[in-house]
Amino acid sequence: MKVVALIGSSRTNGNTEYLTDVFLNGIEYKKIYLKDLIINPIEDKRHTEDGFSIVNDDYDEIIEAMLESDILVFSTPIYWYSASGLMKNLIDRFSQAIRDQRYPTLKEHLKTVETYVVAVGGDNPRIKGLPLIQQLKYTFDFLKMPFTGYIIGKASKPGEIVQDKVALSQARLMNEQIKKLIQVREESQSK
């Protein structure tokens, strides 16, 4: 099984990435750092005669990783009570990606991809981060992607996440669950 973590933080080795690493500990996975990619904002052409045109940026790397993945982790700090701008920009481009004729199997493939969210914020995130989780759930529902779980951590300054014993415990418990999911899928594929 292929696991991809989309890291939406603008900080290298930040709290959100740390919590994602705990969640995926012992699992082989690919990290994609959105801050290191050029992903242009969407130019909405859904209702134009010609539709979307190909954009010369790094978004195709995201689509190709999604097409190879069985599990996607959307890992984002909670910025102003929502996903980071990097993550939101990626999500906005879904409107174009699902219509891109170069990727005719994308929509069907996404229906088979298990999704998780890891989010970290500093201002009462287990309450104030819930709208972010709901927004992502609506996105996953629209794309018919299975939404399997989420972890919300509390941290602001670099390294503070190690003090959030609740989030770290949740990450470790969900790590066991994801390992079982991977095992079950691999066993069913080998039959």
N, C-alpha and C. Protein backbone atom coordinates (compact mmCIF):
# COMPACT_ATOMS: atom_id res chain seq x y z
N MET A 1 0.84 -1.19 0.00
CA MET A 1 0.00 0.00 0.00
C MET A 1 0.87 1.24 0.00
N LYS A 2 0.40 2.22 -0.72
CA LYS A 2 1.15 3.48 -0.78
C LYS A 2 0.44 4.54 0.03
N VAL A 3 1.22 5.17 0.89
CA VAL A 3 0.71 6.22 1.77
C VAL A 3 1.42 7.51 1.40
N VAL A 4 0.63 8.58 1.24
CA VAL A 4 1.17 9.89 0.91
C VAL A 4 0.68 10.89 1.94
N ALA A 5 1.60 11.67 2.49
CA ALA A 5 1.25 12.74 3.42
C ALA A 5 1.51 14.07 2.73
N LEU A 6 0.47 14.85 2.60
CA LEU A 6 0.55 16.19 2.02
C LEU A 6 0.79 17.16 3.18
N ILE A 7 1.99 17.69 3.29
CA ILE A 7 2.38 18.54 4.41
C ILE A 7 2.12 20.00 4.03
N GLY A 8 1.12 20.60 4.67
CA GLY A 8 0.68 21.95 4.32
C GLY A 8 1.24 23.05 5.19
N SER A 9 2.30 22.78 5.92
CA SER A 9 2.90 23.78 6.78
C SER A 9 3.94 24.59 6.03
N SER A 10 4.08 25.85 6.40
CA SER A 10 5.12 26.69 5.82
C SER A 10 6.41 26.60 6.65
N ARG A 11 6.36 25.82 7.74
CA ARG A 11 7.51 25.67 8.63
C ARG A 11 8.09 24.26 8.44
N THR A 12 9.39 24.19 8.22
CA THR A 12 10.06 22.89 8.14
C THR A 12 10.14 22.29 9.53
N ASN A 13 9.88 20.98 9.62
CA ASN A 13 9.92 20.26 10.90
C ASN A 13 9.01 20.90 11.95
N GLY A 14 7.84 21.31 11.53
CA GLY A 14 6.90 21.96 12.44
C GLY A 14 6.10 20.97 13.25
N ASN A 15 5.23 21.50 14.07
CA ASN A 15 4.40 20.67 14.95
C ASN A 15 3.48 19.73 14.19
N THR A 16 2.91 20.21 13.09
CA THR A 16 1.99 19.38 12.31
C THR A 16 2.74 18.21 11.68
N GLU A 17 3.91 18.48 11.16
CA GLU A 17 4.71 17.40 10.57
C GLU A 17 5.12 16.40 11.64
N TYR A 18 5.50 16.88 12.81
CA TYR A 18 5.89 16.00 13.91
C TYR A 18 4.74 15.06 14.27
N LEU A 19 3.54 15.62 14.42
CA LEU A 19 2.38 14.79 14.77
C LEU A 19 2.07 13.80 13.66
N THR A 20 2.25 14.20 12.42
CA THR A 20 2.06 13.29 11.28
C THR A 20 3.08 12.16 11.34
N ASP A 21 4.32 12.47 11.69
CA ASP A 21 5.35 11.44 11.81
C ASP A 21 5.01 10.44 12.91
N VAL A 22 4.46 10.91 14.02
CA VAL A 22 4.03 10.00 15.09
C VAL A 22 2.89 9.12 14.58
N PHE A 23 1.94 9.72 13.91
CA PHE A 23 0.80 8.99 13.35
C PHE A 23 1.25 7.90 12.38
N LEU A 24 2.25 8.19 11.55
CA LEU A 24 2.69 7.25 10.52
C LEU A 24 3.99 6.51 10.90
N ASN A 25 4.33 6.52 12.17
CA ASN A 25 5.54 5.86 12.63
C ASN A 25 5.54 4.37 12.24
N GLY A 26 6.65 3.93 11.63
CA GLY A 26 6.77 2.52 11.26
C GLY A 26 6.08 2.16 9.96
N ILE A 27 5.52 3.15 9.29
CA ILE A 27 4.82 2.94 8.01
C ILE A 27 5.63 3.66 6.93
N GLU A 28 5.86 2.97 5.84
CA GLU A 28 6.56 3.63 4.73
C GLU A 28 5.60 4.60 4.07
N TYR A 29 6.04 5.85 3.93
CA TYR A 29 5.17 6.83 3.29
C TYR A 29 6.00 7.92 2.63
N LYS A 30 5.35 8.58 1.69
CA LYS A 30 5.98 9.67 0.95
C LYS A 30 5.43 10.99 1.49
N LYS A 31 6.33 11.91 1.79
CA LYS A 31 5.92 13.25 2.19
C LYS A 31 6.04 14.17 1.00
N ILE A 32 5.01 14.97 0.82
CA ILE A 32 5.05 16.03 -0.19
C ILE A 32 4.89 17.35 0.55
N TYR A 33 5.92 18.17 0.48
CA TYR A 33 5.91 19.47 1.14
C TYR A 33 5.33 20.50 0.19
N LEU A 34 4.13 20.95 0.48
CA LEU A 34 3.47 21.91 -0.40
C LEU A 34 4.26 23.22 -0.50
N LYS A 35 4.96 23.58 0.56
CA LYS A 35 5.74 24.83 0.55
C LYS A 35 6.86 24.79 -0.47
N ASP A 36 7.28 23.59 -0.87
CA ASP A 36 8.38 23.45 -1.82
C ASP A 36 7.90 23.36 -3.26
N LEU A 37 6.60 23.39 -3.47
CA LEU A 37 6.03 23.29 -4.81
C LEU A 37 5.44 24.62 -5.25
N ILE A 38 5.40 24.81 -6.53
CA ILE A 38 4.70 25.97 -7.08
C ILE A 38 3.34 25.47 -7.55
N ILE A 39 2.31 25.88 -6.83
CA ILE A 39 0.94 25.52 -7.18
C ILE A 39 0.17 26.83 -7.33
N ASN A 40 -0.11 27.15 -8.57
CA ASN A 40 -0.81 28.41 -8.84
C ASN A 40 -2.25 28.35 -8.35
N PRO A 41 -2.80 29.50 -7.98
CA PRO A 41 -4.21 29.55 -7.62
C PRO A 41 -5.07 29.14 -8.82
N ILE A 42 -6.23 28.63 -8.53
CA ILE A 42 -7.12 28.20 -9.59
C ILE A 42 -7.67 29.41 -10.35
N GLU A 43 -7.74 29.27 -11.65
CA GLU A 43 -8.48 30.23 -12.47
C GLU A 43 -9.75 29.48 -12.86
N ASP A 44 -10.85 29.86 -12.28
CA ASP A 44 -12.09 29.10 -12.43
C ASP A 44 -12.64 29.20 -13.85
N LYS A 45 -12.55 28.08 -14.55
CA LYS A 45 -13.06 28.03 -15.92
C LYS A 45 -14.08 26.91 -16.07
N ARG A 46 -14.71 26.56 -14.95
CA ARG A 46 -15.69 25.47 -15.00
C ARG A 46 -16.83 25.74 -15.96
N HIS A 47 -17.21 27.00 -16.10
CA HIS A 47 -18.39 27.33 -16.88
C HIS A 47 -18.05 28.06 -18.18
N THR A 48 -16.81 27.94 -18.61
CA THR A 48 -16.42 28.54 -19.89
C THR A 48 -16.50 27.49 -20.98
N GLU A 49 -16.61 27.94 -22.19
CA GLU A 49 -16.75 27.03 -23.33
C GLU A 49 -15.54 26.10 -23.47
N ASP A 50 -14.35 26.63 -23.30
CA ASP A 50 -13.13 25.83 -23.47
C ASP A 50 -12.74 25.06 -22.22
N GLY A 51 -13.30 25.42 -21.08
CA GLY A 51 -12.95 24.74 -19.83
C GLY A 51 -11.54 25.09 -19.37
N PHE A 52 -11.04 24.28 -18.47
CA PHE A 52 -9.72 24.53 -17.89
C PHE A 52 -8.63 24.24 -18.91
N SER A 53 -7.56 25.01 -18.82
CA SER A 53 -6.38 24.73 -19.63
C SER A 53 -5.27 24.23 -18.70
N ILE A 54 -4.31 23.56 -19.28
CA ILE A 54 -3.21 23.01 -18.48
C ILE A 54 -2.42 24.16 -17.88
N VAL A 55 -2.07 24.02 -16.61
CA VAL A 55 -1.31 25.03 -15.89
C VAL A 55 0.12 24.52 -15.76
N ASN A 56 1.06 25.37 -16.07
CA ASN A 56 2.46 24.99 -16.00
C ASN A 56 3.00 25.26 -14.59
N ASP A 57 2.71 24.32 -13.67
CA ASP A 57 3.21 24.41 -12.30
C ASP A 57 3.43 22.99 -11.79
N ASP A 58 3.56 22.82 -10.49
CA ASP A 58 3.90 21.52 -9.91
C ASP A 58 2.68 20.70 -9.48
N TYR A 59 1.47 21.15 -9.81
CA TYR A 59 0.28 20.45 -9.34
C TYR A 59 0.18 19.02 -9.87
N ASP A 60 0.70 18.78 -11.07
CA ASP A 60 0.65 17.42 -11.62
C ASP A 60 1.36 16.43 -10.70
N GLU A 61 2.39 16.89 -9.99
CA GLU A 61 3.09 16.02 -9.03
C GLU A 61 2.13 15.54 -7.94
N ILE A 62 1.24 16.44 -7.51
CA ILE A 62 0.24 16.08 -6.50
C ILE A 62 -0.72 15.03 -7.08
N ILE A 63 -1.22 15.27 -8.27
CA ILE A 63 -2.17 14.35 -8.90
C ILE A 63 -1.54 12.98 -9.09
N GLU A 64 -0.32 12.95 -9.56
CA GLU A 64 0.35 11.67 -9.79
C GLU A 64 0.54 10.91 -8.48
N ALA A 65 0.88 11.62 -7.40
CA ALA A 65 1.01 10.98 -6.09
C ALA A 65 -0.34 10.45 -5.60
N MET A 66 -1.40 11.21 -5.84
CA MET A 66 -2.73 10.76 -5.45
C MET A 66 -3.12 9.50 -6.22
N LEU A 67 -2.81 9.47 -7.49
CA LEU A 67 -3.15 8.30 -8.31
C LEU A 67 -2.39 7.05 -7.87
N GLU A 68 -1.24 7.23 -7.25
CA GLU A 68 -0.46 6.09 -6.77
C GLU A 68 -0.83 5.69 -5.35
N SER A 69 -1.58 6.54 -4.65
CA SER A 69 -1.80 6.33 -3.22
C SER A 69 -3.03 5.48 -2.92
N ASP A 70 -2.93 4.81 -1.79
CA ASP A 70 -4.07 4.10 -1.21
C ASP A 70 -4.59 4.84 0.01
N ILE A 71 -3.69 5.61 0.63
CA ILE A 71 -4.02 6.39 1.82
C ILE A 71 -3.42 7.78 1.64
N LEU A 72 -4.24 8.81 1.87
CA LEU A 72 -3.78 10.20 1.82
C LEU A 72 -3.96 10.84 3.18
N VAL A 73 -2.92 11.53 3.63
CA VAL A 73 -2.99 12.27 4.89
C VAL A 73 -2.87 13.75 4.54
N PHE A 74 -3.89 14.49 4.88
CA PHE A 74 -3.89 15.95 4.70
C PHE A 74 -3.41 16.54 6.03
N SER A 75 -2.19 17.02 6.03
CA SER A 75 -1.54 17.48 7.25
C SER A 75 -1.38 18.99 7.18
N THR A 76 -2.12 19.70 8.03
CA THR A 76 -2.12 21.16 7.95
C THR A 76 -2.14 21.81 9.32
N PRO A 77 -1.38 22.88 9.47
CA PRO A 77 -1.59 23.70 10.66
C PRO A 77 -2.95 24.39 10.54
N ILE A 78 -3.49 24.76 11.66
CA ILE A 78 -4.75 25.52 11.66
C ILE A 78 -4.37 27.00 11.67
N TYR A 79 -4.54 27.63 10.52
CA TYR A 79 -4.23 29.05 10.38
C TYR A 79 -5.55 29.81 10.29
N TRP A 80 -5.77 30.71 11.20
CA TRP A 80 -6.99 31.51 11.22
C TRP A 80 -8.22 30.61 11.12
N TYR A 81 -8.17 29.51 11.88
CA TYR A 81 -9.32 28.61 12.07
C TYR A 81 -9.68 27.82 10.81
N SER A 82 -8.71 27.67 9.93
CA SER A 82 -8.93 26.91 8.72
C SER A 82 -7.62 26.25 8.29
N ALA A 83 -7.63 25.61 7.14
CA ALA A 83 -6.42 25.01 6.59
C ALA A 83 -5.44 26.11 6.20
N SER A 84 -4.18 25.74 6.13
CA SER A 84 -3.18 26.70 5.66
C SER A 84 -3.51 27.11 4.22
N GLY A 85 -3.03 28.24 3.81
CA GLY A 85 -3.23 28.69 2.43
C GLY A 85 -2.66 27.70 1.43
N LEU A 86 -1.53 27.09 1.78
CA LEU A 86 -0.91 26.08 0.91
C LEU A 86 -1.87 24.91 0.68
N MET A 87 -2.49 24.45 1.76
CA MET A 87 -3.42 23.31 1.65
C MET A 87 -4.70 23.74 0.93
N LYS A 88 -5.20 24.91 1.25
CA LYS A 88 -6.43 25.38 0.61
C LYS A 88 -6.25 25.55 -0.89
N ASN A 89 -5.09 26.04 -1.29
CA ASN A 89 -4.80 26.20 -2.71
C ASN A 89 -4.81 24.84 -3.41
N LEU A 90 -4.22 23.84 -2.78
CA LEU A 90 -4.24 22.48 -3.33
C LEU A 90 -5.67 21.99 -3.49
N ILE A 91 -6.49 22.19 -2.47
CA ILE A 91 -7.88 21.73 -2.51
C ILE A 91 -8.68 22.48 -3.57
N ASP A 92 -8.49 23.78 -3.68
CA ASP A 92 -9.21 24.55 -4.70
C ASP A 92 -8.93 24.01 -6.10
N ARG A 93 -7.74 23.54 -6.33
CA ARG A 93 -7.38 23.03 -7.65
C ARG A 93 -8.04 21.68 -7.97
N PHE A 94 -8.67 21.03 -6.98
CA PHE A 94 -9.41 19.80 -7.28
C PHE A 94 -10.44 20.04 -8.38
N SER A 95 -11.04 21.23 -8.39
CA SER A 95 -12.05 21.54 -9.42
C SER A 95 -11.49 21.36 -10.82
N GLN A 96 -10.26 21.72 -10.99
CA GLN A 96 -9.59 21.55 -12.28
C GLN A 96 -9.14 20.11 -12.47
N ALA A 97 -8.55 19.52 -11.43
CA ALA A 97 -7.95 18.19 -11.55
C ALA A 97 -8.97 17.13 -11.95
N ILE A 98 -10.17 17.20 -11.38
CA ILE A 98 -11.16 16.16 -11.69
C ILE A 98 -11.73 16.30 -13.09
N ARG A 99 -11.41 17.40 -13.77
CA ARG A 99 -11.85 17.61 -15.15
C ARG A 99 -10.69 17.48 -16.15
N ASP A 100 -9.50 17.22 -15.64
CA ASP A 100 -8.30 17.15 -16.48
C ASP A 100 -8.32 15.84 -17.27
N GLN A 101 -8.41 15.95 -18.59
CA GLN A 101 -8.51 14.78 -19.45
C GLN A 101 -7.25 13.94 -19.46
N ARG A 102 -6.15 14.48 -18.96
CA ARG A 102 -4.92 13.69 -18.86
C ARG A 102 -5.01 12.66 -17.74
N TYR A 103 -5.97 12.85 -16.81
CA TYR A 103 -6.13 11.95 -15.67
C TYR A 103 -7.55 11.42 -15.62
N PRO A 104 -7.94 10.60 -16.60
CA PRO A 104 -9.33 10.16 -16.69
C PRO A 104 -9.78 9.25 -15.55
N THR A 105 -8.86 8.65 -14.83
CA THR A 105 -9.24 7.73 -13.74
C THR A 105 -9.20 8.39 -12.37
N LEU A 106 -8.85 9.66 -12.30
CA LEU A 106 -8.67 10.31 -11.00
C LEU A 106 -9.90 10.23 -10.12
N LYS A 107 -11.06 10.63 -10.64
CA LYS A 107 -12.27 10.65 -9.81
C LYS A 107 -12.60 9.26 -9.27
N GLU A 108 -12.48 8.24 -10.11
CA GLU A 108 -12.78 6.87 -9.66
C GLU A 108 -11.74 6.40 -8.66
N HIS A 109 -10.49 6.73 -8.91
CA HIS A 109 -9.44 6.31 -7.97
C HIS A 109 -9.64 6.94 -6.59
N LEU A 110 -9.98 8.23 -6.55
CA LEU A 110 -10.14 8.91 -5.27
C LEU A 110 -11.21 8.24 -4.40
N LYS A 111 -12.18 7.59 -5.00
CA LYS A 111 -13.22 6.89 -4.24
C LYS A 111 -12.66 5.71 -3.46
N THR A 112 -11.47 5.27 -3.80
CA THR A 112 -10.86 4.11 -3.13
C THR A 112 -9.78 4.52 -2.13
N VAL A 113 -9.49 5.81 -2.04
CA VAL A 113 -8.38 6.28 -1.21
C VAL A 113 -8.89 6.66 0.18
N GLU A 114 -8.33 6.03 1.20
CA GLU A 114 -8.66 6.37 2.59
C GLU A 114 -8.01 7.71 2.91
N THR A 115 -8.74 8.60 3.57
CA THR A 115 -8.20 9.92 3.90
C THR A 115 -8.18 10.13 5.40
N TYR A 116 -7.14 10.81 5.82
CA TYR A 116 -6.96 11.21 7.22
C TYR A 116 -6.58 12.68 7.23
N VAL A 117 -6.83 13.32 8.36
CA VAL A 117 -6.42 14.71 8.54
C VAL A 117 -5.63 14.80 9.84
N VAL A 118 -4.50 15.49 9.78
CA VAL A 118 -3.73 15.84 10.96
C VAL A 118 -3.67 17.36 10.97
N ALA A 119 -4.16 17.96 12.05
CA ALA A 119 -4.20 19.43 12.14
C ALA A 119 -3.68 19.86 13.51
N VAL A 120 -2.94 20.95 13.53
CA VAL A 120 -2.39 21.47 14.79
C VAL A 120 -2.61 22.97 14.83
N GLY A 121 -3.12 23.44 15.96
CA GLY A 121 -3.34 24.87 16.15
C GLY A 121 -3.09 25.26 17.60
N GLY A 122 -3.04 26.55 17.86
CA GLY A 122 -2.71 27.02 19.19
C GLY A 122 -3.86 27.58 19.99
N ASP A 123 -4.98 27.89 19.37
CA ASP A 123 -6.08 28.57 20.05
C ASP A 123 -7.26 27.62 20.23
N ASN A 124 -7.21 26.80 21.30
CA ASN A 124 -8.27 25.84 21.60
C ASN A 124 -8.64 25.01 20.36
N PRO A 125 -7.66 24.35 19.74
CA PRO A 125 -7.88 23.73 18.44
C PRO A 125 -8.87 22.56 18.44
N ARG A 126 -9.03 21.87 19.56
CA ARG A 126 -9.96 20.72 19.55
C ARG A 126 -11.41 21.17 19.41
N ILE A 127 -11.66 22.44 19.68
CA ILE A 127 -12.98 23.02 19.44
C ILE A 127 -12.95 23.89 18.18
N LYS A 128 -12.03 24.84 18.15
CA LYS A 128 -11.99 25.80 17.04
C LYS A 128 -11.47 25.18 15.74
N GLY A 129 -10.86 24.01 15.81
CA GLY A 129 -10.40 23.32 14.60
C GLY A 129 -11.47 22.43 13.99
N LEU A 130 -12.59 22.25 14.68
CA LEU A 130 -13.64 21.37 14.16
C LEU A 130 -14.25 21.86 12.84
N PRO A 131 -14.42 23.18 12.64
CA PRO A 131 -14.90 23.62 11.32
C PRO A 131 -13.96 23.22 10.18
N LEU A 132 -12.65 23.23 10.44
CA LEU A 132 -11.69 22.77 9.44
C LEU A 132 -11.95 21.30 9.09
N ILE A 133 -12.13 20.48 10.10
CA ILE A 133 -12.40 19.06 9.87
C ILE A 133 -13.69 18.90 9.07
N GLN A 134 -14.71 19.67 9.41
CA GLN A 134 -15.98 19.60 8.69
C GLN A 134 -15.81 20.03 7.24
N GLN A 135 -15.05 21.10 7.01
CA GLN A 135 -14.81 21.55 5.63
C GLN A 135 -14.14 20.46 4.81
N LEU A 136 -13.12 19.83 5.39
CA LEU A 136 -12.43 18.76 4.66
C LEU A 136 -13.35 17.56 4.46
N LYS A 137 -14.18 17.27 5.43
CA LYS A 137 -15.14 16.17 5.27
C LYS A 137 -16.08 16.44 4.10
N TYR A 138 -16.56 17.67 3.98
CA TYR A 138 -17.42 18.02 2.84
C TYR A 138 -16.68 17.83 1.51
N THR A 139 -15.39 18.21 1.50
CA THR A 139 -14.58 18.01 0.29
C THR A 139 -14.48 16.53 -0.04
N PHE A 140 -14.15 15.73 0.97
CA PHE A 140 -14.02 14.29 0.75
C PHE A 140 -15.36 13.68 0.33
N ASP A 141 -16.45 14.13 0.96
CA ASP A 141 -17.78 13.63 0.58
C ASP A 141 -18.08 13.95 -0.88
N PHE A 142 -17.78 15.17 -1.29
CA PHE A 142 -18.04 15.59 -2.67
C PHE A 142 -17.30 14.68 -3.65
N LEU A 143 -16.07 14.34 -3.31
CA LEU A 143 -15.25 13.48 -4.16
C LEU A 143 -15.49 11.99 -3.90
N LYS A 144 -16.37 11.69 -2.93
CA LYS A 144 -16.69 10.31 -2.54
C LYS A 144 -15.46 9.57 -2.01
N MET A 145 -14.58 10.31 -1.33
CA MET A 145 -13.39 9.72 -0.72
C MET A 145 -13.72 9.30 0.70
N PRO A 146 -13.37 8.07 1.09
CA PRO A 146 -13.61 7.64 2.46
C PRO A 146 -12.79 8.49 3.45
N PHE A 147 -13.47 9.10 4.42
CA PHE A 147 -12.81 9.89 5.45
C PHE A 147 -12.69 8.99 6.68
N THR A 148 -11.47 8.59 6.99
CA THR A 148 -11.26 7.54 7.98
C THR A 148 -11.01 8.08 9.38
N GLY A 149 -10.36 9.24 9.50
CA GLY A 149 -10.11 9.76 10.83
C GLY A 149 -9.31 11.04 10.82
N TYR A 150 -9.22 11.64 12.01
CA TYR A 150 -8.46 12.88 12.15
C TYR A 150 -7.86 12.98 13.55
N ILE A 151 -6.82 13.78 13.63
CA ILE A 151 -6.17 14.09 14.89
C ILE A 151 -6.00 15.61 14.93
N ILE A 152 -6.37 16.21 16.05
CA ILE A 152 -6.15 17.64 16.24
C ILE A 152 -5.21 17.82 17.42
N GLY A 153 -4.09 18.49 17.18
CA GLY A 153 -3.12 18.75 18.24
C GLY A 153 -3.10 20.21 18.64
N LYS A 154 -2.59 20.46 19.85
CA LYS A 154 -2.48 21.83 20.36
C LYS A 154 -1.01 22.20 20.47
N ALA A 155 -0.61 23.18 19.70
CA ALA A 155 0.76 23.69 19.74
C ALA A 155 0.82 24.98 18.93
N SER A 156 1.74 25.83 19.28
CA SER A 156 1.93 27.06 18.54
C SER A 156 3.42 27.24 18.22
N LYS A 157 4.23 27.36 19.26
CA LYS A 157 5.66 27.54 19.07
C LYS A 157 6.29 26.24 18.59
N PRO A 158 7.40 26.33 17.86
CA PRO A 158 8.08 25.11 17.40
C PRO A 158 8.37 24.15 18.57
N GLY A 159 8.03 22.89 18.35
CA GLY A 159 8.31 21.85 19.33
C GLY A 159 7.27 21.68 20.41
N GLU A 160 6.30 22.57 20.51
CA GLU A 160 5.29 22.48 21.59
C GLU A 160 4.42 21.24 21.51
N ILE A 161 4.31 20.63 20.35
CA ILE A 161 3.42 19.49 20.19
C ILE A 161 3.81 18.34 21.12
N VAL A 162 5.06 18.26 21.50
CA VAL A 162 5.48 17.15 22.39
C VAL A 162 4.82 17.24 23.75
N GLN A 163 4.25 18.40 24.09
CA GLN A 163 3.54 18.58 25.36
C GLN A 163 2.08 18.15 25.28
N ASP A 164 1.56 17.93 24.08
CA ASP A 164 0.15 17.55 23.91
C ASP A 164 0.03 16.03 23.97
N LYS A 165 -0.09 15.53 25.17
CA LYS A 165 -0.14 14.07 25.39
C LYS A 165 -1.40 13.46 24.78
N VAL A 166 -2.49 14.21 24.73
CA VAL A 166 -3.74 13.71 24.15
C VAL A 166 -3.55 13.45 22.66
N ALA A 167 -3.03 14.43 21.94
CA ALA A 167 -2.84 14.27 20.49
C ALA A 167 -1.83 13.18 20.19
N LEU A 168 -0.76 13.13 20.97
CA LEU A 168 0.25 12.09 20.75
C LEU A 168 -0.33 10.70 21.00
N SER A 169 -1.17 10.57 22.03
CA SER A 169 -1.83 9.28 22.30
C SER A 169 -2.78 8.91 21.16
N GLN A 170 -3.54 9.88 20.69
CA GLN A 170 -4.45 9.63 19.56
C GLN A 170 -3.66 9.20 18.33
N ALA A 171 -2.55 9.87 18.08
CA ALA A 171 -1.72 9.54 16.92
C ALA A 171 -1.20 8.11 17.02
N ARG A 172 -0.79 7.71 18.21
CA ARG A 172 -0.28 6.34 18.39
C ARG A 172 -1.39 5.30 18.23
N LEU A 173 -2.56 5.61 18.77
CA LEU A 173 -3.70 4.69 18.62
C LEU A 173 -4.11 4.57 17.15
N MET A 174 -4.18 5.70 16.47
CA MET A 174 -4.56 5.67 15.05
C MET A 174 -3.47 5.03 14.21
N ASN A 175 -2.22 5.10 14.68
CA ASN A 175 -1.12 4.41 14.00
C ASN A 175 -1.39 2.90 13.99
N GLU A 176 -1.84 2.38 15.12
CA GLU A 176 -2.17 0.95 15.19
C GLU A 176 -3.32 0.62 14.24
N GLN A 177 -4.32 1.49 14.18
CA GLN A 177 -5.47 1.27 13.29
C GLN A 177 -5.05 1.30 11.83
N ILE A 178 -4.20 2.24 11.46
CA ILE A 178 -3.80 2.34 10.06
C ILE A 178 -2.93 1.14 9.68
N LYS A 179 -2.11 0.67 10.61
CA LYS A 179 -1.30 -0.52 10.32
C LYS A 179 -2.19 -1.74 10.09
N LYS A 180 -3.28 -1.85 10.86
CA LYS A 180 -4.23 -2.95 10.66
C LYS A 180 -4.93 -2.81 9.31
N LEU A 181 -5.32 -1.59 8.96
CA LEU A 181 -5.94 -1.34 7.66
C LEU A 181 -5.01 -1.76 6.53
N ILE A 182 -3.76 -1.38 6.64
CA ILE A 182 -2.77 -1.75 5.62
C ILE A 182 -2.63 -3.26 5.55
N GLN A 183 -2.56 -3.91 6.69
CA GLN A 183 -2.42 -5.37 6.72
C GLN A 183 -3.62 -6.05 6.06
N VAL A 184 -4.81 -5.61 6.38
CA VAL A 184 -6.03 -6.20 5.82
C VAL A 184 -6.06 -6.01 4.30
N ARG A 185 -5.74 -4.79 3.86
CA ARG A 185 -5.73 -4.52 2.41
C ARG A 185 -4.70 -5.36 1.69
N GLU A 186 -3.52 -5.49 2.28
CA GLU A 186 -2.46 -6.27 1.63
C GLU A 186 -2.82 -7.75 1.57
N GLU A 187 -3.46 -8.26 2.64
CA GLU A 187 -3.90 -9.64 2.65
C GLU A 187 -4.97 -9.89 1.60
N SER A 188 -5.90 -8.95 1.46
CA SER A 188 -6.97 -9.13 0.48
C SER A 188 -6.43 -9.02 -0.96
N GLN A 189 -5.39 -8.22 -1.15
CA GLN A 189 -4.80 -8.09 -2.48
C GLN A 189 -3.97 -9.30 -2.87
N SER A 190 -3.43 -9.99 -1.85
CA SER A 190 -2.59 -11.15 -2.15
C SER A 190 -3.41 -12.41 -2.41
N LYS A 191 -4.71 -12.36 -2.16
CA LYS A 191 -5.57 -13.53 -2.40
C LYS A 191 -6.00 -13.63 -3.84
